[in-house]
Protein backbone atom coordinates (compact mmCIF):
# COMPACT_ATOMS: atom_id res chain seq x y z
CA UNK A 1 314.19 343.29 209.07
CA UNK A 2 310.46 344.16 209.12
CA UNK A 3 308.36 343.70 206.00
CA UNK A 4 307.27 347.36 206.00
CA UNK A 5 310.86 348.62 205.97
CA UNK A 6 311.83 350.96 203.12
CA UNK A 7 314.37 349.24 200.83
CA UNK A 8 316.05 349.94 197.52
CA UNK A 9 314.61 348.40 194.34
CA UNK A 10 317.25 345.67 193.77
CA UNK A 11 316.29 344.11 197.09
CA UNK A 12 312.55 344.65 196.75
CA UNK A 13 311.72 341.49 194.77
CA UNK A 14 313.62 339.24 197.16
CA UNK A 15 312.04 340.88 200.19
CA UNK A 16 308.50 340.62 198.81
CA UNK A 17 309.03 336.95 198.06
CA UNK A 18 310.28 336.30 201.61
CA UNK A 19 307.42 338.24 203.19
CA UNK A 20 304.82 336.36 201.14
CA UNK A 21 306.38 333.06 202.15
CA UNK A 22 306.24 334.01 205.81
CA UNK A 23 302.70 335.31 205.49
CA UNK A 24 301.37 332.06 204.06
CA UNK A 25 303.24 329.68 206.35
CA UNK A 26 300.77 327.50 208.29
CA UNK A 27 300.13 328.84 211.79
CA UNK A 28 301.73 326.90 214.65
CA UNK A 29 299.22 324.78 216.47
CA UNK A 30 298.83 324.96 220.24
CA UNK A 31 300.71 322.13 221.87
CA UNK A 32 298.43 319.28 222.86
CA UNK A 33 298.30 318.50 226.58
CA UNK A 34 300.15 315.43 227.80
CA UNK A 35 298.17 312.55 229.25
CA UNK A 36 299.18 313.69 232.74
CA UNK A 37 298.04 317.26 232.05
CA UNK A 38 294.74 316.08 230.59
CA UNK A 39 294.10 313.98 233.70
CA UNK A 40 294.88 316.93 235.98
CA UNK A 41 292.59 319.17 233.93
CA UNK A 42 289.72 316.66 233.96
CA UNK A 43 289.92 316.22 237.73
CA UNK A 44 290.11 320.00 238.20
CA UNK A 45 287.05 320.54 236.02
CA UNK A 46 285.06 317.89 237.89
CA UNK A 47 285.91 319.44 241.26
CA UNK A 48 285.06 323.02 240.25
CA UNK A 49 281.67 321.92 238.94
CA UNK A 50 280.73 320.26 242.25
CA UNK A 51 279.33 322.84 244.66
CA UNK A 52 281.08 322.36 248.02
CA UNK A 53 279.94 325.47 249.88
CA UNK A 54 279.07 324.98 253.56
CA UNK A 55 275.30 324.46 253.10
CA UNK A 56 275.92 321.78 250.45
CA UNK A 57 278.95 320.04 251.93
CA UNK A 58 281.90 318.06 250.60
CA UNK A 59 280.59 314.50 250.35
CA UNK A 60 279.86 314.49 246.61
CA UNK A 61 283.36 315.75 245.83
CA UNK A 62 284.99 313.24 248.20
CA UNK A 63 283.08 310.36 246.59
CA UNK A 64 283.94 311.49 243.04
CA UNK A 65 287.66 311.64 243.83
CA UNK A 66 287.56 308.33 245.70
CA UNK A 67 286.04 306.70 242.61
CA UNK A 68 288.92 307.99 240.49
CA UNK A 69 291.50 306.62 242.94
CA UNK A 70 289.85 303.21 243.08
CA UNK A 71 289.65 303.08 239.29
CA UNK A 72 293.40 303.80 239.17
CA UNK A 73 294.12 300.71 241.27
CA UNK A 74 294.04 301.91 244.87
CA UNK A 75 292.74 299.18 247.17
CA UNK A 76 289.45 299.67 248.94
CA UNK A 77 291.13 299.70 252.36
CA UNK A 78 293.44 302.50 251.19
CA UNK A 79 290.63 304.88 250.20
CA UNK A 80 288.51 306.01 253.16
CA UNK A 81 285.54 308.39 253.24
CA UNK A 82 284.85 309.43 256.81
CA UNK A 83 283.24 312.39 258.54
CA UNK A 84 280.89 313.65 261.23
CA UNK A 85 277.72 313.60 259.13
CA UNK A 86 276.36 312.75 255.70
CA UNK A 87 277.21 316.17 254.21
CA UNK A 88 280.68 316.71 255.63
CA UNK A 89 282.78 313.75 254.55
CA UNK A 90 286.58 313.76 254.26
CA UNK A 91 288.64 311.69 251.84
CA UNK A 92 291.79 309.95 253.11
CA UNK A 93 293.87 307.85 250.69
CA UNK A 94 297.19 306.07 251.13
CA UNK A 95 299.90 305.16 248.64
CA UNK A 96 301.72 302.31 250.36
CA UNK A 97 305.48 302.54 250.80
CA UNK A 98 308.30 300.42 252.10
CA UNK A 99 308.15 301.65 255.70
CA UNK A 100 311.71 303.00 255.77
CA UNK A 101 310.39 306.23 257.28
CA UNK A 102 307.21 307.47 258.91
CA UNK A 103 304.44 308.57 256.50
CA UNK A 104 304.19 311.96 254.80
CA UNK A 105 300.78 313.68 254.91
CA UNK A 106 299.54 315.76 251.95
CA UNK A 107 296.68 318.13 252.74
CA UNK A 108 294.10 320.26 250.94
CA UNK A 109 290.48 321.12 251.65
CA UNK A 110 287.44 320.50 249.47
CA UNK A 111 285.09 323.20 250.76
CA UNK A 112 284.84 326.66 249.24
CA UNK A 113 283.24 329.95 250.27
CA UNK A 114 279.91 330.94 248.75
CA UNK A 115 279.82 332.57 245.29
CA UNK A 116 276.72 334.28 243.87
CA UNK A 117 276.13 334.14 240.11
CA UNK A 118 275.03 337.79 239.99
CA UNK A 119 278.37 338.88 241.45
CA UNK A 120 280.46 337.08 238.82
CA UNK A 121 281.12 337.69 235.14
CA UNK A 122 281.07 333.91 234.64
CA UNK A 123 279.19 331.08 236.31
CA UNK A 124 281.28 330.40 239.46
CA UNK A 125 280.38 326.71 239.45
CA UNK A 126 281.24 326.11 235.81
CA UNK A 127 284.86 325.42 234.84
CA UNK A 128 285.81 327.99 232.21
CA UNK A 129 289.10 328.33 230.32
CA UNK A 130 289.51 331.81 228.92
CA UNK A 131 292.50 333.89 227.79
CA UNK A 132 295.08 331.76 229.57
CA UNK A 133 293.18 331.26 232.85
CA UNK A 134 290.94 328.67 234.48
CA UNK A 135 287.96 330.37 236.16
CA UNK A 136 285.59 329.08 238.85
CA UNK A 137 285.04 329.08 242.59
CA UNK A 138 287.94 327.23 244.15
CA UNK A 139 290.41 327.67 241.29
CA UNK A 140 292.82 329.41 243.66
CA UNK A 141 291.44 328.33 247.08
CA UNK A 142 292.01 325.51 246.88
CA UNK A 143 290.57 322.96 244.51
CA UNK A 144 293.52 323.43 242.17
CA UNK A 145 295.69 321.78 244.83
CA UNK A 146 293.19 319.04 245.62
CA UNK A 147 293.06 318.16 241.92
CA UNK A 148 296.87 318.41 241.73
CA UNK A 149 297.34 315.91 244.57
CA UNK A 150 294.78 313.41 243.26
CA UNK A 151 296.24 313.58 239.74
CA UNK A 152 299.73 312.93 241.07
CA UNK A 153 298.62 310.05 243.31
CA UNK A 154 297.05 308.45 240.23
CA UNK A 155 300.15 309.16 238.13
CA UNK A 156 302.47 307.60 240.71
CA UNK A 157 300.20 304.56 241.02
CA UNK A 158 300.07 304.03 237.26
CA UNK A 159 303.85 304.35 237.03
CA UNK A 160 304.25 301.64 239.66
CA UNK A 161 306.21 303.99 241.89
CA UNK A 162 307.28 302.36 245.19
CA UNK A 163 308.00 305.04 247.81
CA UNK A 164 310.19 304.38 250.82
CA UNK A 165 307.42 305.76 253.05
CA UNK A 166 303.62 305.85 252.89
CA UNK A 167 302.11 308.92 251.25
CA UNK A 168 298.80 309.93 252.84
CA UNK A 169 296.34 312.21 251.04
CA UNK A 170 293.72 314.03 253.14
CA UNK A 171 291.09 316.21 251.43
CA UNK A 172 288.90 317.73 254.10
CA UNK A 173 285.75 319.65 254.95
CA UNK A 174 284.99 322.95 256.65
CA UNK A 175 288.37 324.65 256.51
CA UNK A 176 286.57 327.83 255.45
CA UNK A 177 284.82 328.23 258.78
CA UNK A 178 282.12 325.58 259.05
CA UNK A 179 281.39 323.78 262.33
CA UNK A 180 283.06 320.47 261.44
CA UNK A 181 286.67 321.21 260.52
CA UNK A 182 287.94 318.08 258.81
CA UNK A 183 291.50 318.06 260.13
CA UNK A 184 290.39 318.65 263.72
CA UNK A 185 287.75 315.91 263.37
CA UNK A 186 290.24 313.43 261.91
CA UNK A 187 292.78 314.10 264.65
CA UNK A 188 290.13 313.50 267.29
CA UNK A 189 288.38 310.51 265.75
CA UNK A 190 290.78 308.82 263.29
CA UNK A 191 294.27 310.03 264.01
CA UNK A 192 295.65 306.70 262.80
CA UNK A 193 294.54 307.59 259.27
CA UNK A 194 296.60 310.80 259.08
CA UNK A 195 299.38 310.34 261.62
CA UNK A 196 302.65 311.28 259.94
CA UNK A 197 306.21 312.48 260.46
CA UNK A 198 305.14 315.83 259.04
CA UNK A 199 302.59 317.35 256.68
CA UNK A 200 302.71 319.32 253.46
CA UNK A 201 299.70 321.64 253.48
CA UNK A 202 299.07 322.97 249.97
CA UNK A 203 296.73 325.65 251.33
CA UNK A 204 299.64 327.88 252.33
CA UNK A 205 302.90 329.13 250.92
CA UNK A 206 303.23 329.11 247.16
CA UNK A 207 304.79 331.03 244.31
CA UNK A 208 304.62 334.79 243.87
CA UNK A 209 304.66 336.71 240.59
CA UNK A 210 305.72 340.35 240.83
CA UNK A 211 305.31 342.59 237.77
CA UNK A 212 305.17 339.58 235.48
CA UNK A 213 308.22 337.83 236.96
CA UNK A 214 308.33 334.61 239.00
CA UNK A 215 310.19 335.89 242.05
CA UNK A 216 309.92 333.59 245.06
CA UNK A 217 308.36 330.37 246.30
CA UNK A 218 307.22 330.68 249.90
CA UNK A 219 307.09 327.85 252.45
CA UNK A 220 304.84 328.51 255.44
CA UNK A 221 306.45 327.17 258.60
CA UNK A 222 304.39 328.98 261.23
CA UNK A 223 301.32 331.13 261.65
CA UNK A 224 300.09 333.69 264.10
CA UNK A 225 297.63 332.60 266.76
CA UNK A 226 294.05 333.90 266.57
CA UNK A 227 292.64 335.39 269.78
CA UNK A 228 289.62 337.70 270.27
CA UNK A 229 288.67 339.77 273.31
CA UNK A 230 285.52 341.70 274.21
CA UNK A 231 285.91 345.04 276.00
CA UNK A 232 282.90 346.30 277.94
CA UNK A 233 282.04 349.36 280.03
CA UNK A 234 278.84 349.54 282.13
CA UNK A 235 277.14 352.71 283.36
CA UNK A 236 273.87 353.54 285.11
CA UNK A 237 272.84 355.74 282.18
CA UNK A 238 270.14 358.36 282.37
CA UNK A 239 268.38 360.99 280.29
CA UNK A 240 270.39 362.54 277.48
CA UNK A 241 269.18 366.01 278.49
CA UNK A 242 271.19 365.65 281.72
CA UNK A 243 274.61 364.42 280.55
CA UNK A 244 277.43 363.81 282.96
CA UNK A 245 281.13 363.47 282.37
CA UNK A 246 280.90 359.79 283.26
CA UNK A 247 279.89 358.20 279.92
CA UNK A 248 280.37 354.55 278.93
CA UNK A 249 281.11 355.44 275.30
CA UNK A 250 283.69 358.07 276.19
CA UNK A 251 285.43 355.80 278.68
CA UNK A 252 285.66 352.94 276.22
CA UNK A 253 286.72 355.28 273.40
CA UNK A 254 289.55 356.71 275.51
CA UNK A 255 290.84 353.22 276.23
CA UNK A 256 290.66 352.30 272.54
CA UNK A 257 292.51 355.49 271.63
CA UNK A 258 295.34 354.43 273.94
CA UNK A 259 295.37 351.00 272.31
CA UNK A 260 295.53 352.55 268.82
CA UNK A 261 298.79 354.27 269.70
CA UNK A 262 300.39 351.18 271.21
CA UNK A 263 302.74 348.74 269.45
CA UNK A 264 303.64 345.39 270.93
CA UNK A 265 307.39 344.85 271.28
CA UNK A 266 309.40 343.74 268.25
CA UNK A 267 309.74 339.97 268.14
CA UNK A 268 311.36 337.56 265.69
CA UNK A 269 311.74 333.80 265.43
CA UNK A 270 313.63 331.38 263.20
CA UNK A 271 311.07 331.74 260.41
CA UNK A 272 310.87 335.53 260.32
CA UNK A 273 314.64 335.97 260.66
CA UNK A 274 315.19 333.63 257.69
CA UNK A 275 312.42 335.42 255.79
CA UNK A 276 313.94 338.88 256.14
CA UNK A 277 317.45 337.59 255.44
CA UNK A 278 316.37 336.00 252.15
CA UNK A 279 314.08 338.87 251.17
CA UNK A 280 316.98 341.30 251.55
CA UNK A 281 318.62 339.69 248.51
CA UNK A 282 315.82 341.04 246.32
CA UNK A 283 315.86 344.55 247.78
CA UNK A 284 318.39 347.38 247.79
CA UNK A 285 319.42 350.44 249.78
CA UNK A 286 317.85 351.15 253.16
CA UNK A 287 315.20 348.44 252.82
CA UNK A 288 317.77 345.69 252.26
CA UNK A 289 319.90 346.99 255.13
CA UNK A 290 316.88 347.11 257.45
CA UNK A 291 315.86 343.56 256.56
CA UNK A 292 319.31 342.26 257.39
CA UNK A 293 319.27 344.28 260.62
CA UNK A 294 316.02 342.70 261.84
CA UNK A 295 317.29 339.25 260.81
CA UNK A 296 320.04 339.55 263.41
CA UNK A 297 319.60 338.72 267.11
CA UNK A 298 318.57 340.95 268.73
CA UNK A 299 316.64 342.72 266.00
CA UNK A 300 317.54 346.35 265.38
CA UNK A 301 314.66 348.45 266.78
CA UNK A 302 315.17 351.41 264.43
CA UNK A 303 315.23 349.13 261.38
CA UNK A 304 312.08 347.38 262.60
CA UNK A 305 310.36 350.75 263.02
CA UNK A 306 311.17 351.77 259.44
CA UNK A 307 310.00 348.45 258.00
CA UNK A 308 306.80 348.58 260.06
CA UNK A 309 306.05 352.09 258.82
CA UNK A 310 306.61 351.07 255.20
CA UNK A 311 304.31 348.02 255.18
CA UNK A 312 301.46 346.71 257.32
CA UNK A 313 302.64 343.22 256.33
CA UNK A 314 306.14 343.77 257.66
CA UNK A 315 304.64 345.28 260.81
CA UNK A 316 302.55 342.11 261.31
CA UNK A 317 305.66 339.95 260.84
CA UNK A 318 307.54 341.86 263.53
CA UNK A 319 305.11 341.82 266.45
CA UNK A 320 301.89 340.58 267.96
CA UNK A 321 299.00 342.83 266.90
CA UNK A 322 295.65 343.70 268.51
CA UNK A 323 293.09 345.86 266.72
CA UNK A 324 289.52 347.01 267.38
CA UNK A 325 287.18 345.49 264.79
CA UNK A 326 283.63 346.02 266.12
CA UNK A 327 281.84 348.59 268.28
CA UNK A 328 278.36 348.65 269.84
CA UNK A 329 276.94 351.09 272.40
CA UNK A 330 273.77 352.65 273.76
CA UNK A 331 270.12 351.66 273.51
CA UNK A 332 268.32 354.85 272.51
CA UNK A 333 269.23 358.18 270.90
CA UNK A 334 267.81 360.14 273.84
CA UNK A 335 269.38 358.07 276.62
CA UNK A 336 272.85 358.00 278.12
CA UNK A 337 274.56 354.70 277.25
CA UNK A 338 274.39 351.99 279.88
CA UNK A 339 276.74 349.69 277.95
CA UNK A 340 279.54 350.17 275.44
CA UNK A 341 281.27 347.18 273.88
CA UNK A 342 284.17 346.68 271.51
CA UNK A 343 285.69 343.62 269.87
CA UNK A 344 289.48 343.46 269.71
CA UNK A 345 291.08 340.82 267.49
CA UNK A 346 294.67 339.80 268.20
CA UNK A 347 297.15 337.81 266.12
CA UNK A 348 299.85 336.45 268.41
CA UNK A 349 303.39 335.41 267.62
CA UNK A 350 303.55 331.64 268.25
CA UNK A 351 305.96 332.36 271.11
CA UNK A 352 303.52 334.73 272.91
CA UNK A 353 300.80 333.54 275.31
CA UNK A 354 297.20 334.62 275.60
CA UNK A 355 297.70 335.46 279.29
CA UNK A 356 300.61 337.78 278.52
CA UNK A 357 298.66 339.56 275.77
CA UNK A 358 295.63 340.04 278.03
CA UNK A 359 297.86 341.46 280.76
CA UNK A 360 299.39 343.87 278.23
CA UNK A 361 295.92 344.99 277.10
CA UNK A 362 294.92 345.76 280.68
CA UNK A 363 298.04 347.86 281.11
CA UNK A 364 297.51 349.76 277.86
CA UNK A 365 293.79 350.38 278.39
CA UNK A 366 294.68 351.65 281.88
CA UNK A 367 291.11 351.62 283.15
CA UNK A 368 289.74 349.08 285.61
CA UNK A 369 286.19 349.88 284.50
CA UNK A 370 286.90 348.41 281.07
CA UNK A 371 286.13 344.73 281.54
CA UNK A 372 288.09 342.31 279.33
CA UNK A 373 286.77 338.86 278.46
CA UNK A 374 287.83 336.22 275.96
CA UNK A 375 285.52 335.59 273.00
CA UNK A 376 287.62 333.25 270.83
CA UNK A 377 290.28 331.45 272.88
CA UNK A 378 293.76 331.04 271.47
CA UNK A 379 294.61 327.73 269.83
CA UNK A 380 298.38 327.29 270.23
CA UNK A 381 300.25 326.65 267.00
CA UNK A 382 303.98 326.20 267.59
CA UNK A 383 306.31 326.92 264.67
CA UNK A 384 307.55 323.98 262.62
CA UNK A 385 311.35 323.62 262.48
CA UNK A 386 313.18 324.64 259.31
CA UNK A 387 314.00 321.04 258.47
CA UNK A 388 316.68 320.50 255.77
CA UNK A 389 314.82 317.48 254.35
CA UNK A 390 311.80 319.55 253.37
CA UNK A 391 313.54 322.80 252.48
CA UNK A 392 316.30 321.06 250.54
CA UNK A 393 313.76 319.26 248.36
CA UNK A 394 311.65 322.39 247.76
CA UNK A 395 314.75 324.39 246.84
CA UNK A 396 316.04 321.72 244.43
CA UNK A 397 312.74 321.35 242.57
CA UNK A 398 312.16 325.11 242.49
CA UNK A 399 315.63 325.65 241.01
CA UNK A 400 315.02 322.94 238.39
CA UNK A 401 311.76 324.48 237.22
CA UNK A 402 312.29 328.20 237.75
CA UNK A 403 315.99 329.15 237.79
CA UNK A 404 316.53 332.33 239.77
CA UNK A 405 313.44 331.91 241.94
CA UNK A 406 314.38 331.70 245.60
CA UNK A 407 312.65 329.82 248.41
CA UNK A 408 311.70 331.80 251.50
CA UNK A 409 310.13 330.61 254.79
CA UNK A 410 307.11 332.63 255.93
CA UNK A 411 304.99 333.08 259.01
CA UNK A 412 301.33 333.31 258.01
CA UNK A 413 299.58 336.36 259.45
CA UNK A 414 296.25 334.56 258.96
CA UNK A 415 295.38 330.95 259.71
CA UNK A 416 295.31 327.55 258.01
CA UNK A 417 294.59 323.95 258.92
CA UNK A 418 298.26 323.57 259.81
CA UNK A 419 297.43 324.97 263.25
CA UNK A 420 295.50 321.78 264.13
CA UNK A 421 298.38 319.56 263.08
CA UNK A 422 301.06 321.62 264.81
CA UNK A 423 298.95 321.72 267.96
CA UNK A 424 298.77 317.92 267.85
CA UNK A 425 302.52 317.53 267.48
CA UNK A 426 302.68 317.05 263.70
CA UNK A 427 304.97 319.63 262.05
CA UNK A 428 303.28 321.18 259.02
CA UNK A 429 304.64 323.13 256.07
CA UNK A 430 302.70 325.24 253.60
CA UNK A 431 304.06 324.27 250.18
CA UNK A 432 302.69 324.87 246.70
CA UNK A 433 304.14 325.14 243.23
CA UNK A 434 301.26 327.30 241.98
CA UNK A 435 302.32 330.85 241.17
CA UNK A 436 299.93 333.81 241.52
CA UNK A 437 300.30 337.51 240.78
CA UNK A 438 300.64 339.35 244.10
CA UNK A 439 298.57 342.21 242.64
CA UNK A 440 295.72 339.98 241.46
CA UNK A 441 294.48 338.09 244.51
CA UNK A 442 290.99 336.67 243.84
CA UNK A 443 290.57 333.92 246.43
CA UNK A 444 287.13 334.30 248.08
CA UNK A 445 286.40 337.02 245.54
CA UNK A 446 284.80 337.70 242.16
CA UNK A 447 285.98 335.82 239.07
CA UNK A 448 288.45 333.63 240.96
CA UNK A 449 291.09 332.18 238.65
CA UNK A 450 294.46 330.47 238.19
CA UNK A 451 296.72 330.70 235.16
CA UNK A 452 296.60 327.64 232.91
CA UNK A 453 300.38 327.53 232.71
CA UNK A 454 300.69 328.08 236.48
CA UNK A 455 298.32 325.19 237.14
CA UNK A 456 300.16 322.67 234.98
CA UNK A 457 303.55 323.81 236.28
CA UNK A 458 302.24 323.45 239.83
CA UNK A 459 301.11 319.89 239.13
CA UNK A 460 304.56 319.03 237.77
CA UNK A 461 306.25 320.71 240.74
CA UNK A 462 304.25 318.60 243.20
CA UNK A 463 305.00 315.41 241.25
CA UNK A 464 308.74 316.04 241.49
CA UNK A 465 308.52 317.11 245.13
CA UNK A 466 306.57 314.01 246.17
CA UNK A 467 309.18 311.76 244.59
CA UNK A 468 311.98 313.73 246.26
CA UNK A 469 310.37 313.51 249.71
CA UNK A 470 309.12 309.93 249.39
CA UNK A 471 312.30 308.31 248.15
CA UNK A 472 311.83 304.95 246.50
CA UNK A 473 311.83 303.88 242.86
């Protein structure tokens, strides 16, 4: 019954008394953070307020986190700061285990993309809590996970937890495109520090919120391979007042038009088949039927065509893609072009090869005068197996914390540091317990943020997952 409801007089006195009592009850106080939450918040704040953009580097952040680990009782030999130069240092820490299994590697990066104060509502390098969110550059990519991992390493150390296997923490530099990628550098120069049975990369996967509901928790098991070609047409040129039918721009444009109409063949692998099979459970009608149809072997071509037409994301999950991204031509407005160039960026299925894709491009362009050369060579990144140990643990913890949320394997259409590990023979899995709204993606953008509740739940998720994967007592 609401206090503004119309009532008869005999009940009025009682109702007024009740309403006044409710009105003057003391307001409930916000629940105080636990010691573990306060630690995770303090580390998060410290990280956000250290500028780790490429010109500044990651060393200050690595040293600050190393100091926290040492203060928590980690031995000096178990906390290493190493890197290619004074600005680009990586932090590698180890929680010693019993040696019953090979180590588990936990990965995040410390660097962030640039953020200009004039572009933001708030100072991007000041940690701000406002209306249920933490704001600042790196709050969703990916200092929240670096803070999460350090806080949990400290928590496990303080609890005296003895894992069955070593847990290795690597927080690295230059994932966002700098010249000294930390994972690649460590593999080349100090592989012994990060060698592991497999890796959990917190910079991939993660929870998805759709229309206010926690829906799924994705685990990245593979990613498409980045490959860029340059297309070039040469011509002798001439005066624009005497045009001929032979024109470098037209020839290149005709080839690109043929490419725009071409689709690579439908392809699936263990990850994408499992993805569509599990996603079908949350869909209905034709979409659900089509997802199940492409999850079968061989995939149904008509179903794949409908899914591809409905979503550029589904299209990218069903085939290798190549797309023109840059175009340059000519040298003067009154001269026939002597050169026309285009950049074509491809994202390959892990099972495709660069040679096969180049051969396909030549066939589709269908013009020997269009020269094809490689700009960014492919770095092979084989898919990681859908191992029951990892998936079983993620599913158990997800079910404990968010009943009804399902775990789904995904193939990243972009790229992460997992490609370096997979290429070196270390299976890697993108896992995170942080949930983000699929319609509010702010990584690399203005007013980057993470929900306060999502952050603390993510920290707890990782704590439980580490104990499940590490074994011990």
